[in-house]
Amino acid sequence: MAQIAHIVGKVEYRGGDGPAVEIREGPVEVSVSINDATLSWVEEEVHGSAAMPIADFRRYVKEGKIKLDGPLQVEA
């Protein structure tokens, strides 16, 4: 089940071996599993999506760069 969060600081992800790409600030939908977190967003008419290791996601939350709306929900 996806939950709403807000990017409020510099959050980056890597698409494979490519360079780090910054996710723009604003609302995102987050789906969290045991291994990773998937963030989805809409910017004007462009839909974006990024997956990152759960450790990176938790670090961004701990650093205050991602603010969750409610407690973290992990899908089984």
PDB file of N, CA and C in Angstrom:
ATOM      1  N   MET A   1       0.838  -1.177   0.000  1.00  0.00           N
ATOM      2  CA  MET A   1       0.000   0.000   0.000  1.00  0.00           C
ATOM      3  C   MET A   1       0.887   1.246   0.000  1.00  0.00           C
ATOM      4  N   ALA A   2       0.659   2.139  -0.914  1.00  0.00           N
ATOM      5  CA  ALA A   2       1.452   3.359  -1.021  1.00  0.00           C
ATOM      6  C   ALA A   2       1.028   4.362   0.054  1.00  0.00           C
ATOM      7  N   GLN A   3       1.977   5.154   0.485  1.00  0.00           N
ATOM      8  CA  GLN A   3       1.684   6.224   1.415  1.00  0.00           C
ATOM      9  C   GLN A   3       2.295   7.510   0.867  1.00  0.00           C
ATOM     10  N   ILE A   4       1.823   8.628   1.372  1.00  0.00           N
ATOM     11  CA  ILE A   4       2.289   9.924   0.907  1.00  0.00           C
ATOM     12  C   ILE A   4       3.464  10.387   1.761  1.00  0.00           C
ATOM     13  N   ALA A   5       4.445  10.976   1.091  1.00  0.00           N
ATOM     14  CA  ALA A   5       5.595  11.574   1.761  1.00  0.00           C
ATOM     15  C   ALA A   5       5.948  12.850   1.001  1.00  0.00           C
ATOM     16  N   HIS A   6       6.879  13.611   1.562  1.00  0.00           N
ATOM     17  CA  HIS A   6       7.317  14.850   0.921  1.00  0.00           C
ATOM     18  C   HIS A   6       8.835  14.886   0.891  1.00  0.00           C
ATOM     19  N   ILE A   7       9.374  15.176  -0.275  1.00  0.00           N
ATOM     20  CA  ILE A   7      10.809  15.384  -0.410  1.00  0.00           C
ATOM     21  C   ILE A   7      11.061  16.828   0.011  1.00  0.00           C
ATOM     22  N   VAL A   8      11.907  17.019   1.024  1.00  0.00           N
ATOM     23  CA  VAL A   8      12.157  18.356   1.546  1.00  0.00           C
ATOM     24  C   VAL A   8      13.648  18.702   1.555  1.00  0.00           C
ATOM     25  N   GLY A   9      14.468  17.843   1.001  1.00  0.00           N
ATOM     26  CA  GLY A   9      15.912  18.066   0.927  1.00  0.00           C
ATOM     27  C   GLY A   9      16.464  17.355  -0.292  1.00  0.00           C
ATOM     28  N   LYS A  10      17.779  17.322  -0.412  1.00  0.00           N
ATOM     29  CA  LYS A  10      18.416  16.682  -1.566  1.00  0.00           C
ATOM     30  C   LYS A  10      18.332  15.162  -1.432  1.00  0.00           C
ATOM     31  N   VAL A  11      17.530  14.548  -2.316  1.00  0.00           N
ATOM     32  CA  VAL A  11      17.353  13.093  -2.347  1.00  0.00           C
ATOM     33  C   VAL A  11      17.724  12.627  -3.751  1.00  0.00           C
ATOM     34  N   GLU A  12      18.627  11.653  -3.831  1.00  0.00           N
ATOM     35  CA  GLU A  12      19.093  11.149  -5.118  1.00  0.00           C
ATOM     36  C   GLU A  12      18.899   9.647  -5.225  1.00  0.00           C
ATOM     37  N   TYR A  13      18.819   9.177  -6.465  1.00  0.00           N
ATOM     38  CA  TYR A  13      18.782   7.735  -6.737  1.00  0.00           C
ATOM     39  C   TYR A  13      19.636   7.462  -7.961  1.00  0.00           C
ATOM     40  N   ARG A  14      20.002   6.214  -8.128  1.00  0.00           N
ATOM     41  CA  ARG A  14      20.780   5.808  -9.301  1.00  0.00           C
ATOM     42  C   ARG A  14      19.958   4.834 -10.126  1.00  0.00           C
ATOM     43  N   GLY A  15      19.898   5.087 -11.414  1.00  0.00           N
ATOM     44  CA  GLY A  15      19.253   4.164 -12.341  1.00  0.00           C
ATOM     45  C   GLY A  15      20.312   3.228 -12.898  1.00  0.00           C
ATOM     46  N   GLY A  16      20.519   2.092 -12.249  1.00  0.00           N
ATOM     47  CA  GLY A  16      21.569   1.162 -12.689  1.00  0.00           C
ATOM     48  C   GLY A  16      22.943   1.731 -12.384  1.00  0.00           C
ATOM     49  N   ASP A  17      23.826   1.691 -13.386  1.00  0.00           N
ATOM     50  CA  ASP A  17      25.190   2.191 -13.201  1.00  0.00           C
ATOM     51  C   ASP A  17      25.329   3.657 -13.592  1.00  0.00           C
ATOM     52  N   GLY A  18      24.229   4.307 -13.889  1.00  0.00           N
ATOM     53  CA  GLY A  18      24.254   5.700 -14.333  1.00  0.00           C
ATOM     54  C   GLY A  18      24.552   6.661 -13.203  1.00  0.00           C
ATOM     55  N   PRO A  19      24.569   7.948 -13.535  1.00  0.00           N
ATOM     56  CA  PRO A  19      24.844   8.972 -12.523  1.00  0.00           C
ATOM     57  C   PRO A  19      23.670   9.133 -11.558  1.00  0.00           C
ATOM     58  N   ALA A  20      23.953   9.743 -10.431  1.00  0.00           N
ATOM     59  CA  ALA A  20      22.902  10.025  -9.453  1.00  0.00           C
ATOM     60  C   ALA A  20      21.960  11.075 -10.028  1.00  0.00           C
ATOM     61  N   VAL A  21      20.657  10.865  -9.818  1.00  0.00           N
ATOM     62  CA  VAL A  21      19.626  11.788 -10.303  1.00  0.00           C
ATOM     63  C   VAL A  21      18.866  12.306  -9.085  1.00  0.00           C
ATOM     64  N   GLU A  22      18.703  13.608  -9.019  1.00  0.00           N
ATOM     65  CA  GLU A  22      18.006  14.212  -7.877  1.00  0.00           C
ATOM     66  C   GLU A  22      16.496  14.180  -8.097  1.00  0.00           C
ATOM     67  N   ILE A  23      15.755  13.846  -7.056  1.00  0.00           N
ATOM     68  CA  ILE A  23      14.293  13.880  -7.077  1.00  0.00           C
ATOM     69  C   ILE A  23      13.878  15.263  -6.607  1.00  0.00           C
ATOM     70  N   ARG A  24      13.026  15.923  -7.372  1.00  0.00           N
ATOM     71  CA  ARG A  24      12.601  17.281  -7.037  1.00  0.00           C
ATOM     72  C   ARG A  24      11.825  17.294  -5.721  1.00  0.00           C
ATOM     73  N   GLU A  25      11.842  18.443  -5.049  1.00  0.00           N
ATOM     74  CA  GLU A  25      11.107  18.582  -3.798  1.00  0.00           C
ATOM     75  C   GLU A  25       9.618  18.604  -4.074  1.00  0.00           C
ATOM     76  N   GLY A  26       8.842  18.050  -3.141  1.00  0.00           N
ATOM     77  CA  GLY A  26       7.396  18.025  -3.264  1.00  0.00           C
ATOM     78  C   GLY A  26       6.842  16.675  -2.864  1.00  0.00           C
ATOM     79  N   PRO A  27       5.542  16.486  -3.079  1.00  0.00           N
ATOM     80  CA  PRO A  27       4.894  15.236  -2.658  1.00  0.00           C
ATOM     81  C   PRO A  27       5.274  14.058  -3.548  1.00  0.00           C
ATOM     82  N   VAL A  28       5.367  12.884  -2.925  1.00  0.00           N
ATOM     83  CA  VAL A  28       5.617  11.627  -3.626  1.00  0.00           C
ATOM     84  C   VAL A  28       4.761  10.540  -2.986  1.00  0.00           C
ATOM     85  N   GLU A  29       4.483   9.493  -3.759  1.00  0.00           N
ATOM     86  CA  GLU A  29       3.891   8.280  -3.197  1.00  0.00           C
ATOM     87  C   GLU A  29       5.031   7.309  -2.957  1.00  0.00           C
ATOM     88  N   VAL A  30       4.991   6.631  -1.823  1.00  0.00           N
ATOM     89  CA  VAL A  30       6.056   5.708  -1.452  1.00  0.00           C
ATOM     90  C   VAL A  30       5.474   4.330  -1.190  1.00  0.00           C
ATOM     91  N   SER A  31       6.081   3.317  -1.808  1.00  0.00           N
ATOM     92  CA  SER A  31       5.765   1.919  -1.512  1.00  0.00           C
ATOM     93  C   SER A  31       7.049   1.285  -0.993  1.00  0.00           C
ATOM     94  N   VAL A  32       6.986   0.732   0.210  1.00  0.00           N
ATOM     95  CA  VAL A  32       8.178   0.196   0.860  1.00  0.00           C
ATOM     96  C   VAL A  32       8.038  -1.312   1.040  1.00  0.00           C
ATOM     97  N   SER A  33       9.081  -2.033   0.634  1.00  0.00           N
ATOM     98  CA  SER A  33       9.141  -3.472   0.885  1.00  0.00           C
ATOM     99  C   SER A  33      10.337  -3.722   1.802  1.00  0.00           C
ATOM    100  N   ILE A  34      10.615  -4.953   2.079  1.00  0.00           N
ATOM    101  CA  ILE A  34      11.735  -5.294   2.956  1.00  0.00           C
ATOM    102  C   ILE A  34      13.058  -4.834   2.357  1.00  0.00           C
ATOM    103  N   ASN A  35      13.194  -4.886   1.027  1.00  0.00           N
ATOM    104  CA  ASN A  35      14.464  -4.589   0.371  1.00  0.00           C
ATOM    105  C   ASN A  35      14.595  -3.205  -0.230  1.00  0.00           C
ATOM    106  N   ASP A  36      13.489  -2.598  -0.645  1.00  0.00           N
ATOM    107  CA  ASP A  36      13.615  -1.309  -1.310  1.00  0.00           C
ATOM    108  C   ASP A  36      12.386  -0.433  -1.127  1.00  0.00           C
ATOM    109  N   ALA A  37      12.536   0.812  -1.566  1.00  0.00           N
ATOM    110  CA  ALA A  37      11.442   1.778  -1.544  1.00  0.00           C
ATOM    111  C   ALA A  37      11.286   2.332  -2.957  1.00  0.00           C
ATOM    112  N   THR A  38      10.049   2.420  -3.411  1.00  0.00           N
ATOM    113  CA  THR A  38       9.760   2.994  -4.714  1.00  0.00           C
ATOM    114  C   THR A  38       9.012   4.305  -4.509  1.00  0.00           C
ATOM    115  N   LEU A  39       9.540   5.369  -5.071  1.00  0.00           N
ATOM    116  CA  LEU A  39       8.943   6.700  -4.971  1.00  0.00           C
ATOM    117  C   LEU A  39       8.371   7.068  -6.333  1.00  0.00           C
ATOM    118  N   SER A  40       7.154   7.587  -6.350  1.00  0.00           N
ATOM    119  CA  SER A  40       6.492   8.001  -7.588  1.00  0.00           C
ATOM    120  C   SER A  40       5.976   9.420  -7.421  1.00  0.00           C
ATOM    121  N   TRP A  41       6.034  10.194  -8.513  1.00  0.00           N
ATOM    122  CA  TRP A  41       5.583  11.576  -8.453  1.00  0.00           C
ATOM    123  C   TRP A  41       5.107  12.036  -9.823  1.00  0.00           C
ATOM    124  N   VAL A  42       4.403  13.165  -9.807  1.00  0.00           N
ATOM    125  CA  VAL A  42       3.936  13.790 -11.042  1.00  0.00           C
ATOM    126  C   VAL A  42       4.420  15.235 -11.017  1.00  0.00           C
ATOM    127  N   GLU A  43       5.071  15.633 -12.086  1.00  0.00           N
ATOM    128  CA  GLU A  43       5.553  17.003 -12.223  1.00  0.00           C
ATOM    129  C   GLU A  43       5.026  17.538 -13.543  1.00  0.00           C
ATOM    130  N   GLU A  44       4.021  18.405 -13.448  1.00  0.00           N
ATOM    131  CA  GLU A  44       3.255  18.864 -14.602  1.00  0.00           C
ATOM    132  C   GLU A  44       2.650  17.633 -15.273  1.00  0.00           C
ATOM    133  N   GLU A  45       3.034  17.312 -16.506  1.00  0.00           N
ATOM    134  CA  GLU A  45       2.467  16.141 -17.166  1.00  0.00           C
ATOM    135  C   GLU A  45       3.434  14.960 -17.207  1.00  0.00           C
ATOM    136  N   VAL A  46       4.540  15.070 -16.479  1.00  0.00           N
ATOM    137  CA  VAL A  46       5.559  14.020 -16.470  1.00  0.00           C
ATOM    138  C   VAL A  46       5.418  13.188 -15.199  1.00  0.00           C
ATOM    139  N   HIS A  47       5.341  11.871 -15.364  1.00  0.00           N
ATOM    140  CA  HIS A  47       5.290  10.952 -14.231  1.00  0.00           C
ATOM    141  C   HIS A  47       6.695  10.401 -14.008  1.00  0.00           C
ATOM    142  N   GLY A  48       7.157  10.451 -12.768  1.00  0.00           N
ATOM    143  CA  GLY A  48       8.480   9.941 -12.435  1.00  0.00           C
ATOM    144  C   GLY A  48       8.381   8.808 -11.437  1.00  0.00           C
ATOM    145  N   SER A  49       9.400   7.974 -11.432  1.00  0.00           N
ATOM    146  CA  SER A  49       9.449   6.848 -10.504  1.00  0.00           C
ATOM    147  C   SER A  49      10.906   6.491 -10.249  1.00  0.00           C
ATOM    148  N   ALA A  50      11.206   6.138  -9.014  1.00  0.00           N
ATOM    149  CA  ALA A  50      12.566   5.767  -8.648  1.00  0.00           C
ATOM    150  C   ALA A  50      12.523   4.699  -7.569  1.00  0.00           C
ATOM    151  N   ALA A  51      13.395   3.721  -7.694  1.00  0.00           N
ATOM    152  CA  ALA A  51      13.543   2.699  -6.657  1.00  0.00           C
ATOM    153  C   ALA A  51      14.910   2.888  -6.008  1.00  0.00           C
ATOM    154  N   MET A  52      14.955   2.707  -4.685  1.00  0.00           N
ATOM    155  CA  MET A  52      16.233   2.815  -3.985  1.00  0.00           C
ATOM    156  C   MET A  52      16.282   1.763  -2.885  1.00  0.00           C
ATOM    157  N   PRO A  53      17.494   1.353  -2.508  1.00  0.00           N
ATOM    158  CA  PRO A  53      17.622   0.393  -1.406  1.00  0.00           C
ATOM    159  C   PRO A  53      16.966   0.950  -0.143  1.00  0.00           C
ATOM    160  N   ILE A  54      16.380   0.063   0.626  1.00  0.00           N
ATOM    161  CA  ILE A  54      15.672   0.478   1.835  1.00  0.00           C
ATOM    162  C   ILE A  54      16.602   1.217   2.806  1.00  0.00           C
ATOM    163  N   ALA A  55      17.876   0.845   2.850  1.00  0.00           N
ATOM    164  CA  ALA A  55      18.822   1.521   3.746  1.00  0.00           C
ATOM    165  C   ALA A  55      18.976   2.993   3.350  1.00  0.00           C
ATOM    166  N   ASP A  56      19.042   3.281   2.061  1.00  0.00           N
ATOM    167  CA  ASP A  56      19.144   4.671   1.602  1.00  0.00           C
ATOM    168  C   ASP A  56      17.872   5.438   1.953  1.00  0.00           C
ATOM    169  N   PHE A  57      16.721   4.814   1.713  1.00  0.00           N
ATOM    170  CA  PHE A  57      15.449   5.460   2.029  1.00  0.00           C
ATOM    171  C   PHE A  57      15.370   5.790   3.516  1.00  0.00           C
ATOM    172  N   ARG A  58      15.697   4.845   4.377  1.00  0.00           N
ATOM    173  CA  ARG A  58      15.648   5.078   5.830  1.00  0.00           C
ATOM    174  C   ARG A  58      16.622   6.185   6.247  1.00  0.00           C
ATOM    175  N   ARG A  59      17.789   6.245   5.590  1.00  0.00           N
ATOM    176  CA  ARG A  59      18.760   7.302   5.895  1.00  0.00           C
ATOM    177  C   ARG A  59      18.184   8.673   5.543  1.00  0.00           C
ATOM    178  N   TYR A  60      17.553   8.789   4.368  1.00  0.00           N
ATOM    179  CA  TYR A  60      16.939  10.063   3.983  1.00  0.00           C
ATOM    180  C   TYR A  60      15.834  10.467   4.964  1.00  0.00           C
ATOM    181  N   VAL A  61      15.044   9.501   5.436  1.00  0.00           N
ATOM    182  CA  VAL A  61      13.996   9.802   6.419  1.00  0.00           C
ATOM    183  C   VAL A  61      14.636  10.264   7.728  1.00  0.00           C
ATOM    184  N   LYS A  62      15.665   9.550   8.176  1.00  0.00           N
ATOM    185  CA  LYS A  62      16.344   9.899   9.428  1.00  0.00           C
ATOM    186  C   LYS A  62      16.979  11.285   9.349  1.00  0.00           C
ATOM    187  N   GLU A  63      17.534  11.623   8.172  1.00  0.00           N
ATOM    188  CA  GLU A  63      18.172  12.929   7.981  1.00  0.00           C
ATOM    189  C   GLU A  63      17.143  14.052   7.805  1.00  0.00           C
ATOM    190  N   GLY A  64      15.851  13.707   7.687  1.00  0.00           N
ATOM    191  CA  GLY A  64      14.809  14.704   7.532  1.00  0.00           C
ATOM    192  C   GLY A  64      14.629  15.194   6.106  1.00  0.00           C
ATOM    193  N   LYS A  65      15.232  14.517   5.132  1.00  0.00           N
ATOM    194  CA  LYS A  65      15.112  14.921   3.729  1.00  0.00           C
ATOM    195  C   LYS A  65      13.846  14.365   3.086  1.00  0.00           C
ATOM    196  N   ILE A  66      13.309  13.300   3.683  1.00  0.00           N
ATOM    197  CA  ILE A  66      12.005  12.752   3.292  1.00  0.00           C
ATOM    198  C   ILE A  66      11.139  12.764   4.537  1.00  0.00           C
ATOM    199  N   LYS A  67       9.996  13.421   4.457  1.00  0.00           N
ATOM    200  CA  LYS A  67       9.041  13.479   5.572  1.00  0.00           C
ATOM    201  C   LYS A  67       7.841  12.610   5.228  1.00  0.00           C
ATOM    202  N   LEU A  68       7.576  11.618   6.065  1.00  0.00           N
ATOM    203  CA  LEU A  68       6.446  10.720   5.862  1.00  0.00           C
ATOM    204  C   LEU A  68       5.177  11.306   6.459  1.00  0.00           C
ATOM    205  N   ASP A  69       4.050  11.110   5.791  1.00  0.00           N
ATOM    206  CA  ASP A  69       2.747  11.466   6.361  1.00  0.00           C
ATOM    207  C   ASP A  69       2.262  10.238   7.121  1.00  0.00           C
ATOM    208  N   GLY A  70       2.613  10.129   8.369  1.00  0.00           N
ATOM    209  CA  GLY A  70       2.238   8.970   9.183  1.00  0.00           C
ATOM    210  C   GLY A  70       3.401   8.021   9.342  1.00  0.00           C
ATOM    211  N   PRO A  71       3.188   6.930  10.074  1.00  0.00           N
ATOM    212  CA  PRO A  71       4.253   5.956  10.310  1.00  0.00           C
ATOM    213  C   PRO A  71       4.605   5.190   9.045  1.00  0.00           C
ATOM    214  N   LEU A  72       5.843   4.734   8.978  1.00  0.00           N
ATOM    215  CA  LEU A  72       6.315   3.957   7.832  1.00  0.00           C
ATOM    216  C   LEU A  72       5.528   2.654   7.713  1.00  0.00           C
ATOM    217  N   GLN A  73       5.007   2.382   6.518  1.00  0.00           N
ATOM    218  CA  GLN A  73       4.264   1.172   6.257  1.00  0.00           C
ATOM    219  C   GLN A  73       5.074   0.283   5.317  1.00  0.00           C
ATOM    220  N   VAL A  74       5.456  -0.898   5.801  1.00  0.00           N
ATOM    221  CA  VAL A  74       6.247  -1.826   4.995  1.00  0.00           C
ATOM    222  C   VAL A  74       5.343  -2.927   4.491  1.00  0.00           C
ATOM    223  N   GLU A  75       5.382  -3.149   3.163  1.00  0.00           N
ATOM    224  CA  GLU A  75       4.565  -4.210   2.552  1.00  0.00           C
ATOM    225  C   GLU A  75       5.231  -5.560   2.802  1.00  0.00           C
ATOM    226  N   ALA A  76       4.435  -6.555   3.059  1.00  0.00           N
ATOM    227  CA  ALA A  76       4.963  -7.896   3.331  1.00  0.00           C
ATOM    228  C   ALA A  76       5.333  -8.610   2.057  1.00  0.00           C
TER     229      ALA A  76
END
